[in-house]
């Protein structure tokens, strides 16, 4: 067998193993820790999927799970809360994939009155802080915070 054929077989097997259904899926969890009667609206997108809008009452959680790609896996999310959902945070809730594929990584996002707190189990640097529209927070499983900002002209 020539070297190119061997290389292609190894790549194909690696790609199949990275989709491995025998491995734990990665997950993203949102928790509404806001004051009573303060509903949290969650909307997340991946490269392939629009996960839709979800409304969480205080104390409720929303979670989804997925397998990382051998290419980059990114999950972008937007959260709204407050009267008329006028306060929002838009951020990258998950980044992973590439040649190092993770399994079973859990990322927790806790929506509080004073902002959004992230706690990920995937390692990475801690203490990351960002706020405002389009902020990247807690990328690669690091801990971070993000404050809710007011929307200009209503809910986007």
N, C-alpha and C. Protein backbone atom coordinates (compact mmCIF):
# COMPACT_ATOMS: atom_id res chain seq x y z
N UNK A 1 0.85 -1.17 0.00
CA UNK A 1 0.00 0.00 0.00
C UNK A 1 0.90 1.24 0.00
N UNK A 2 0.55 2.21 -0.83
CA UNK A 2 1.41 3.38 -0.92
C UNK A 2 1.17 4.32 0.27
N UNK A 3 2.12 5.23 0.57
CA UNK A 3 2.02 6.11 1.74
C UNK A 3 0.78 7.03 1.70
N UNK A 4 0.38 7.47 0.52
CA UNK A 4 -0.79 8.34 0.43
C UNK A 4 -2.06 7.61 0.85
N UNK A 5 -2.21 6.36 0.43
CA UNK A 5 -3.37 5.56 0.82
C UNK A 5 -3.41 5.35 2.33
N UNK A 6 -2.26 5.04 2.92
CA UNK A 6 -2.20 4.86 4.38
C UNK A 6 -2.59 6.14 5.10
N UNK A 7 -2.09 7.27 4.61
CA UNK A 7 -2.40 8.56 5.22
C UNK A 7 -3.90 8.84 5.16
N UNK A 8 -4.53 8.59 3.99
CA UNK A 8 -5.96 8.83 3.83
C UNK A 8 -6.80 7.93 4.72
N UNK A 9 -6.37 6.69 4.90
CA UNK A 9 -7.09 5.76 5.77
C UNK A 9 -7.02 6.24 7.22
N UNK A 10 -5.84 6.69 7.65
CA UNK A 10 -5.68 7.20 9.02
C UNK A 10 -6.56 8.43 9.24
N UNK A 11 -6.60 9.33 8.28
CA UNK A 11 -7.44 10.54 8.39
C UNK A 11 -8.92 10.15 8.45
N UNK A 12 -9.34 9.24 7.61
CA UNK A 12 -10.75 8.81 7.60
C UNK A 12 -11.13 8.16 8.92
N UNK A 13 -10.27 7.31 9.48
CA UNK A 13 -10.55 6.67 10.77
C UNK A 13 -10.58 7.71 11.89
N UNK A 14 -9.68 8.68 11.85
CA UNK A 14 -9.67 9.74 12.86
C UNK A 14 -10.94 10.55 12.81
N UNK A 15 -11.41 10.87 11.62
CA UNK A 15 -12.64 11.64 11.47
C UNK A 15 -13.82 10.85 12.01
N UNK A 16 -13.86 9.57 11.74
CA UNK A 16 -14.96 8.75 12.23
C UNK A 16 -14.92 8.64 13.75
N UNK A 17 -13.72 8.49 14.32
CA UNK A 17 -13.61 8.39 15.77
C UNK A 17 -13.98 9.70 16.45
N UNK A 18 -13.72 10.83 15.78
CA UNK A 18 -14.05 12.12 16.40
C UNK A 18 -15.56 12.31 16.50
N UNK A 19 -16.33 11.60 15.70
CA UNK A 19 -17.78 11.65 15.80
C UNK A 19 -18.29 10.59 16.77
N UNK A 20 -17.37 9.89 17.41
CA UNK A 20 -17.63 8.70 18.21
C UNK A 20 -18.80 8.77 19.15
N UNK A 21 -19.83 8.04 18.83
CA UNK A 21 -21.02 8.03 19.66
C UNK A 21 -20.78 7.31 20.98
N UNK A 22 -19.65 6.62 21.13
CA UNK A 22 -19.36 5.98 22.40
C UNK A 22 -18.75 6.96 23.39
N UNK A 23 -18.43 8.18 22.96
CA UNK A 23 -17.86 9.20 23.82
C UNK A 23 -18.96 10.11 24.34
N UNK A 24 -18.70 10.73 25.50
CA UNK A 24 -19.66 11.68 26.07
C UNK A 24 -19.74 12.91 25.18
N UNK A 25 -20.95 13.44 25.05
CA UNK A 25 -21.14 14.68 24.29
C UNK A 25 -20.71 15.87 25.15
N UNK A 26 -20.32 16.94 24.49
CA UNK A 26 -20.10 18.22 25.16
C UNK A 26 -21.46 18.85 25.37
N UNK A 27 -21.57 19.78 26.34
CA UNK A 27 -22.87 20.38 26.61
C UNK A 27 -22.72 21.83 27.06
N UNK A 28 -23.79 22.58 26.82
CA UNK A 28 -23.91 23.95 27.28
C UNK A 28 -25.20 24.03 28.09
N UNK A 29 -25.12 24.64 29.29
CA UNK A 29 -26.25 24.73 30.21
C UNK A 29 -26.48 26.19 30.56
N UNK A 30 -27.73 26.62 30.53
CA UNK A 30 -28.11 27.97 30.96
C UNK A 30 -29.03 27.85 32.16
N UNK A 31 -28.77 28.65 33.17
CA UNK A 31 -29.55 28.65 34.41
C UNK A 31 -30.10 30.06 34.62
N UNK A 32 -31.40 30.17 34.87
CA UNK A 32 -32.00 31.47 35.16
C UNK A 32 -31.99 31.67 36.68
N UNK A 33 -31.04 32.49 37.15
CA UNK A 33 -30.95 32.84 38.57
C UNK A 33 -31.39 34.28 38.80
N UNK A 34 -32.26 34.76 37.92
CA UNK A 34 -32.76 36.13 38.02
C UNK A 34 -33.84 36.21 39.09
N UNK A 35 -34.23 37.44 39.42
CA UNK A 35 -35.29 37.66 40.41
C UNK A 35 -36.61 37.03 39.94
N UNK A 36 -37.52 36.77 40.89
CA UNK A 36 -38.83 36.22 40.52
C UNK A 36 -39.51 37.06 39.44
N UNK A 37 -40.22 36.42 38.57
CA UNK A 37 -40.95 37.03 37.46
C UNK A 37 -40.05 37.63 36.38
N UNK A 38 -38.75 37.37 36.43
CA UNK A 38 -37.84 37.87 35.41
C UNK A 38 -37.49 36.71 34.47
N UNK A 39 -38.10 36.69 33.32
CA UNK A 39 -37.92 35.61 32.34
C UNK A 39 -36.62 35.83 31.56
N UNK A 40 -35.92 34.74 31.29
CA UNK A 40 -34.70 34.77 30.49
C UNK A 40 -35.00 34.16 29.13
N UNK A 41 -34.65 34.87 28.06
CA UNK A 41 -34.82 34.33 26.70
C UNK A 41 -33.45 33.95 26.18
N UNK A 42 -33.32 32.72 25.68
CA UNK A 42 -32.05 32.18 25.20
C UNK A 42 -32.20 31.82 23.73
N UNK A 43 -31.21 32.21 22.93
CA UNK A 43 -31.17 31.84 21.51
C UNK A 43 -29.73 31.51 21.14
N UNK A 44 -29.49 30.28 20.66
CA UNK A 44 -28.15 29.85 20.30
C UNK A 44 -28.10 29.36 18.86
N UNK A 45 -26.93 29.57 18.25
CA UNK A 45 -26.67 29.15 16.87
C UNK A 45 -25.32 28.43 16.80
N UNK A 46 -25.28 27.38 16.00
CA UNK A 46 -24.00 26.77 15.64
C UNK A 46 -23.81 27.02 14.15
N UNK A 47 -22.71 26.53 13.62
CA UNK A 47 -22.48 26.68 12.19
C UNK A 47 -23.59 25.99 11.39
N UNK A 48 -24.10 24.89 11.93
CA UNK A 48 -25.09 24.08 11.21
C UNK A 48 -26.53 24.28 11.66
N UNK A 49 -26.75 24.71 12.90
CA UNK A 49 -28.10 24.68 13.46
C UNK A 49 -28.49 25.97 14.15
N UNK A 50 -29.76 26.32 14.02
CA UNK A 50 -30.40 27.36 14.82
C UNK A 50 -31.19 26.60 15.88
N UNK A 51 -30.80 26.74 17.14
CA UNK A 51 -31.40 25.96 18.21
C UNK A 51 -32.71 26.57 18.72
N UNK A 52 -33.13 27.68 18.15
CA UNK A 52 -34.41 28.27 18.49
C UNK A 52 -34.37 29.11 19.75
N UNK A 53 -35.53 29.71 20.06
CA UNK A 53 -35.68 30.55 21.24
C UNK A 53 -36.27 29.73 22.38
N UNK A 54 -35.76 29.96 23.58
CA UNK A 54 -36.24 29.25 24.76
C UNK A 54 -36.46 30.26 25.87
N UNK A 55 -37.61 30.19 26.53
CA UNK A 55 -37.94 31.08 27.63
C UNK A 55 -37.80 30.31 28.94
N UNK A 56 -37.01 30.87 29.87
CA UNK A 56 -36.76 30.21 31.15
C UNK A 56 -37.29 31.07 32.28
N UNK A 57 -38.12 30.50 33.10
CA UNK A 57 -38.55 31.16 34.34
C UNK A 57 -37.42 31.05 35.35
N UNK A 58 -37.42 31.90 36.39
CA UNK A 58 -36.38 31.78 37.42
C UNK A 58 -36.32 30.36 37.98
N UNK A 59 -35.11 29.86 38.09
CA UNK A 59 -34.88 28.50 38.58
C UNK A 59 -34.84 27.44 37.49
N UNK A 60 -35.32 27.75 36.30
CA UNK A 60 -35.31 26.77 35.21
C UNK A 60 -33.95 26.75 34.50
N UNK A 61 -33.69 25.64 33.84
CA UNK A 61 -32.47 25.49 33.06
C UNK A 61 -32.81 25.06 31.64
N UNK A 62 -31.91 25.36 30.73
CA UNK A 62 -31.99 24.89 29.34
C UNK A 62 -30.61 24.38 29.00
N UNK A 63 -30.55 23.21 28.39
CA UNK A 63 -29.26 22.64 28.02
C UNK A 63 -29.38 21.91 26.70
N UNK A 64 -28.25 21.83 26.02
CA UNK A 64 -28.17 21.04 24.80
C UNK A 64 -26.79 20.43 24.74
N UNK A 65 -26.68 19.33 24.00
CA UNK A 65 -25.40 18.63 23.90
C UNK A 65 -25.09 18.30 22.45
N UNK A 66 -23.82 18.04 22.18
CA UNK A 66 -23.36 17.85 20.81
C UNK A 66 -21.98 17.20 20.84
N UNK A 67 -21.60 16.65 19.71
CA UNK A 67 -20.24 16.16 19.52
C UNK A 67 -19.43 17.24 18.82
N UNK A 68 -18.21 17.45 19.29
CA UNK A 68 -17.33 18.40 18.62
C UNK A 68 -16.95 17.87 17.25
N UNK A 69 -16.69 18.79 16.36
CA UNK A 69 -16.22 18.46 15.03
C UNK A 69 -14.69 18.39 15.05
N UNK A 70 -14.10 17.71 14.09
CA UNK A 70 -12.65 17.77 13.97
C UNK A 70 -12.24 19.14 13.44
N UNK A 71 -13.23 19.88 12.95
CA UNK A 71 -13.02 21.26 12.58
C UNK A 71 -13.46 22.09 13.80
N UNK A 72 -13.37 23.38 13.76
CA UNK A 72 -13.74 24.21 14.90
C UNK A 72 -15.25 24.13 15.17
N UNK A 73 -15.60 23.96 16.44
CA UNK A 73 -16.98 23.96 16.89
C UNK A 73 -17.22 25.23 17.68
N UNK A 74 -18.18 26.04 17.22
CA UNK A 74 -18.50 27.29 17.91
C UNK A 74 -20.00 27.36 18.14
N UNK A 75 -20.37 27.81 19.33
CA UNK A 75 -21.77 28.03 19.66
C UNK A 75 -21.91 29.49 20.10
N UNK A 76 -22.65 30.26 19.34
CA UNK A 76 -22.90 31.66 19.66
C UNK A 76 -24.30 31.79 20.23
N UNK A 77 -24.43 32.58 21.31
CA UNK A 77 -25.72 32.70 21.98
C UNK A 77 -26.03 34.15 22.31
N UNK A 78 -27.32 34.41 22.44
CA UNK A 78 -27.81 35.70 22.89
C UNK A 78 -28.82 35.44 24.00
N UNK A 79 -28.74 36.24 25.07
CA UNK A 79 -29.68 36.15 26.18
C UNK A 79 -30.32 37.51 26.36
N UNK A 80 -31.62 37.52 26.66
CA UNK A 80 -32.35 38.75 26.93
C UNK A 80 -33.09 38.58 28.24
N UNK A 81 -33.24 39.68 28.98
CA UNK A 81 -34.01 39.66 30.22
C UNK A 81 -34.47 41.07 30.54
N UNK A 82 -35.32 41.17 31.55
CA UNK A 82 -35.81 42.46 31.99
C UNK A 82 -37.11 42.85 31.30
N UNK A 83 -37.67 44.01 31.67
CA UNK A 83 -38.93 44.47 31.07
C UNK A 83 -38.79 44.61 29.55
N UNK A 84 -39.65 43.91 28.82
CA UNK A 84 -39.58 43.95 27.36
C UNK A 84 -38.31 43.33 26.79
N UNK A 85 -37.61 42.54 27.59
CA UNK A 85 -36.34 41.91 27.18
C UNK A 85 -35.34 42.96 26.68
N UNK A 86 -35.28 44.11 27.36
CA UNK A 86 -34.43 45.20 26.86
C UNK A 86 -32.96 45.05 27.26
N UNK A 87 -32.63 44.16 28.17
CA UNK A 87 -31.24 43.93 28.54
C UNK A 87 -30.76 42.64 27.87
N UNK A 88 -29.58 42.68 27.29
CA UNK A 88 -29.12 41.53 26.52
C UNK A 88 -27.62 41.31 26.68
N UNK A 89 -27.19 40.11 26.33
CA UNK A 89 -25.77 39.75 26.23
C UNK A 89 -25.65 38.83 25.02
N UNK A 90 -24.67 39.11 24.16
CA UNK A 90 -24.40 38.28 22.99
C UNK A 90 -22.94 37.84 23.10
N UNK A 91 -22.70 36.56 22.98
CA UNK A 91 -21.38 36.03 23.29
C UNK A 91 -21.18 34.65 22.67
N UNK A 92 -19.95 34.19 22.69
CA UNK A 92 -19.63 32.82 22.27
C UNK A 92 -19.71 31.94 23.50
N UNK A 93 -20.67 31.03 23.52
CA UNK A 93 -20.90 30.16 24.67
C UNK A 93 -19.99 28.94 24.68
N UNK A 94 -19.44 28.59 23.52
CA UNK A 94 -18.59 27.40 23.44
C UNK A 94 -17.68 27.51 22.24
N UNK A 95 -16.42 27.15 22.43
CA UNK A 95 -15.47 27.01 21.33
C UNK A 95 -14.67 25.74 21.57
N UNK A 96 -14.54 24.93 20.57
CA UNK A 96 -13.77 23.70 20.70
C UNK A 96 -13.49 23.13 19.33
N UNK A 97 -13.05 21.90 19.32
CA UNK A 97 -12.76 21.23 18.07
C UNK A 97 -11.34 21.48 17.60
N UNK A 98 -11.15 21.33 16.33
CA UNK A 98 -9.80 21.40 15.79
C UNK A 98 -9.18 20.02 15.87
N UNK A 99 -7.88 19.97 15.89
CA UNK A 99 -7.22 18.67 15.93
C UNK A 99 -7.29 18.03 17.31
N UNK A 100 -7.58 18.83 18.33
CA UNK A 100 -7.78 18.29 19.68
C UNK A 100 -9.28 18.34 19.96
N UNK A 101 -9.91 17.19 19.93
CA UNK A 101 -11.36 17.10 20.14
C UNK A 101 -11.60 16.72 21.59
N UNK A 102 -12.51 17.45 22.25
CA UNK A 102 -12.84 17.19 23.65
C UNK A 102 -14.13 16.39 23.73
N UNK A 103 -14.25 15.60 24.79
CA UNK A 103 -15.46 14.83 25.03
C UNK A 103 -15.92 15.07 26.45
N UNK A 104 -17.21 15.30 26.61
CA UNK A 104 -17.78 15.45 27.95
C UNK A 104 -17.54 16.81 28.58
N UNK A 105 -17.13 17.81 27.82
CA UNK A 105 -16.92 19.15 28.37
C UNK A 105 -18.28 19.78 28.67
N UNK A 106 -18.42 20.33 29.88
CA UNK A 106 -19.67 20.95 30.30
C UNK A 106 -19.42 22.43 30.55
N UNK A 107 -20.26 23.28 29.98
CA UNK A 107 -20.16 24.72 30.15
C UNK A 107 -21.46 25.22 30.77
N UNK A 108 -21.36 25.86 31.93
CA UNK A 108 -22.53 26.36 32.65
C UNK A 108 -22.55 27.88 32.58
N UNK A 109 -23.68 28.44 32.20
CA UNK A 109 -23.89 29.88 32.14
C UNK A 109 -25.03 30.21 33.09
N UNK A 110 -24.76 31.07 34.07
CA UNK A 110 -25.72 31.43 35.10
C UNK A 110 -26.11 32.89 34.92
N UNK A 111 -27.37 33.14 34.55
CA UNK A 111 -27.87 34.50 34.35
C UNK A 111 -28.34 35.04 35.70
N UNK A 112 -27.68 36.12 36.16
CA UNK A 112 -27.99 36.75 37.44
C UNK A 112 -28.35 38.20 37.20
N UNK A 113 -28.87 38.84 38.21
CA UNK A 113 -29.24 40.25 38.10
C UNK A 113 -28.01 41.13 37.82
N UNK A 114 -26.86 40.75 38.35
CA UNK A 114 -25.65 41.55 38.16
C UNK A 114 -24.82 41.13 36.95
N UNK A 115 -25.31 40.20 36.16
CA UNK A 115 -24.60 39.80 34.95
C UNK A 115 -24.65 38.31 34.70
N UNK A 116 -23.84 37.89 33.78
CA UNK A 116 -23.79 36.50 33.33
C UNK A 116 -22.49 35.89 33.80
N UNK A 117 -22.58 34.76 34.50
CA UNK A 117 -21.39 34.09 35.04
C UNK A 117 -21.19 32.78 34.31
N UNK A 118 -19.94 32.49 33.94
CA UNK A 118 -19.62 31.27 33.21
C UNK A 118 -18.69 30.40 34.05
N UNK A 119 -18.98 29.10 34.05
CA UNK A 119 -18.12 28.13 34.71
C UNK A 119 -18.03 26.92 33.80
N UNK A 120 -16.88 26.70 33.19
CA UNK A 120 -16.70 25.58 32.27
C UNK A 120 -15.76 24.55 32.85
N UNK A 121 -15.97 23.30 32.49
CA UNK A 121 -15.12 22.22 32.99
C UNK A 121 -14.03 21.85 32.01
N UNK A 122 -13.89 22.63 30.94
CA UNK A 122 -12.96 22.24 29.90
C UNK A 122 -11.56 22.74 30.06
N UNK A 123 -11.22 23.31 31.22
CA UNK A 123 -9.87 23.86 31.39
C UNK A 123 -9.78 25.22 30.76
N UNK A 124 -8.62 25.64 30.42
CA UNK A 124 -8.44 26.97 29.83
C UNK A 124 -8.22 27.99 30.90
N UNK A 125 -7.93 29.21 30.48
CA UNK A 125 -7.63 30.28 31.41
C UNK A 125 -8.85 30.73 32.17
N UNK A 126 -8.68 31.11 33.40
CA UNK A 126 -9.78 31.60 34.22
C UNK A 126 -9.75 33.11 34.31
N UNK A 127 -10.79 33.66 34.88
CA UNK A 127 -10.83 35.07 35.16
C UNK A 127 -11.05 35.97 33.96
N UNK A 128 -11.48 35.43 32.85
CA UNK A 128 -11.73 36.26 31.68
C UNK A 128 -12.97 37.11 31.93
N UNK A 129 -12.91 38.38 31.51
CA UNK A 129 -14.03 39.28 31.72
C UNK A 129 -14.25 40.10 30.46
N UNK A 130 -15.49 40.20 30.06
CA UNK A 130 -15.85 41.04 28.92
C UNK A 130 -17.29 41.46 29.11
N UNK A 131 -17.64 42.58 28.54
CA UNK A 131 -19.04 43.00 28.61
C UNK A 131 -19.40 43.70 27.32
N UNK A 132 -20.70 43.76 27.07
CA UNK A 132 -21.19 44.50 25.92
C UNK A 132 -21.51 43.61 24.75
N UNK A 133 -21.98 44.22 23.71
CA UNK A 133 -22.43 43.54 22.51
C UNK A 133 -21.27 42.83 21.82
N UNK A 134 -21.48 41.57 21.46
CA UNK A 134 -20.50 40.81 20.69
C UNK A 134 -19.29 40.37 21.47
N UNK A 135 -19.35 40.35 22.78
CA UNK A 135 -18.19 39.95 23.58
C UNK A 135 -17.97 38.45 23.52
N UNK A 136 -16.71 38.06 23.50
CA UNK A 136 -16.38 36.65 23.66
C UNK A 136 -16.09 36.43 25.13
N UNK A 137 -16.82 35.51 25.74
CA UNK A 137 -16.68 35.29 27.17
C UNK A 137 -16.45 33.82 27.42
N UNK A 138 -15.46 33.49 28.23
CA UNK A 138 -15.25 32.11 28.64
C UNK A 138 -14.92 31.18 27.50
N UNK A 139 -14.24 31.68 26.47
CA UNK A 139 -13.91 30.85 25.33
C UNK A 139 -13.01 29.71 25.78
N UNK A 140 -13.18 28.55 25.20
CA UNK A 140 -12.41 27.35 25.51
C UNK A 140 -12.61 26.87 26.94
N UNK A 141 -13.77 27.15 27.50
CA UNK A 141 -14.09 26.58 28.81
C UNK A 141 -13.57 27.38 29.98
N UNK A 142 -12.98 28.55 29.78
CA UNK A 142 -12.50 29.35 30.89
C UNK A 142 -13.65 30.01 31.62
N UNK A 143 -13.40 30.46 32.83
CA UNK A 143 -14.43 31.16 33.59
C UNK A 143 -14.47 32.61 33.14
N UNK A 144 -15.64 33.21 33.19
CA UNK A 144 -15.76 34.60 32.79
C UNK A 144 -17.07 35.19 33.25
N UNK A 145 -17.20 36.47 33.04
CA UNK A 145 -18.42 37.19 33.40
C UNK A 145 -18.80 38.09 32.25
N UNK A 146 -20.07 38.41 32.15
CA UNK A 146 -20.56 39.35 31.15
C UNK A 146 -21.76 40.04 31.73
N UNK A 147 -21.81 41.36 31.64
CA UNK A 147 -22.97 42.06 32.16
C UNK A 147 -24.01 42.23 31.07
N UNK A 148 -25.26 42.35 31.49
CA UNK A 148 -26.34 42.60 30.54
C UNK A 148 -26.30 44.07 30.15
N UNK A 149 -26.47 44.36 28.89
CA UNK A 149 -26.51 45.72 28.38
C UNK A 149 -27.90 46.03 27.85
N UNK A 150 -28.26 47.31 27.83
CA UNK A 150 -29.55 47.72 27.31
C UNK A 150 -29.55 47.74 25.79
N UNK A 151 -30.65 47.30 25.19
CA UNK A 151 -30.78 47.28 23.74
C UNK A 151 -31.14 48.67 23.23
N UNK A 152 -30.59 49.04 22.09
CA UNK A 152 -30.93 50.30 21.46
C UNK A 152 -32.08 50.04 20.50
N UNK A 153 -33.18 50.72 20.71
CA UNK A 153 -34.32 50.55 19.80
C UNK A 153 -35.11 49.30 20.04
N UNK A 154 -35.01 48.68 21.20
CA UNK A 154 -35.82 47.50 21.50
C UNK A 154 -35.05 46.22 21.29
N UNK A 155 -35.75 45.12 21.29
CA UNK A 155 -35.14 43.79 21.18
C UNK A 155 -34.71 43.54 19.75
N UNK A 156 -33.45 43.13 19.54
CA UNK A 156 -32.98 42.83 18.18
C UNK A 156 -33.69 41.63 17.58
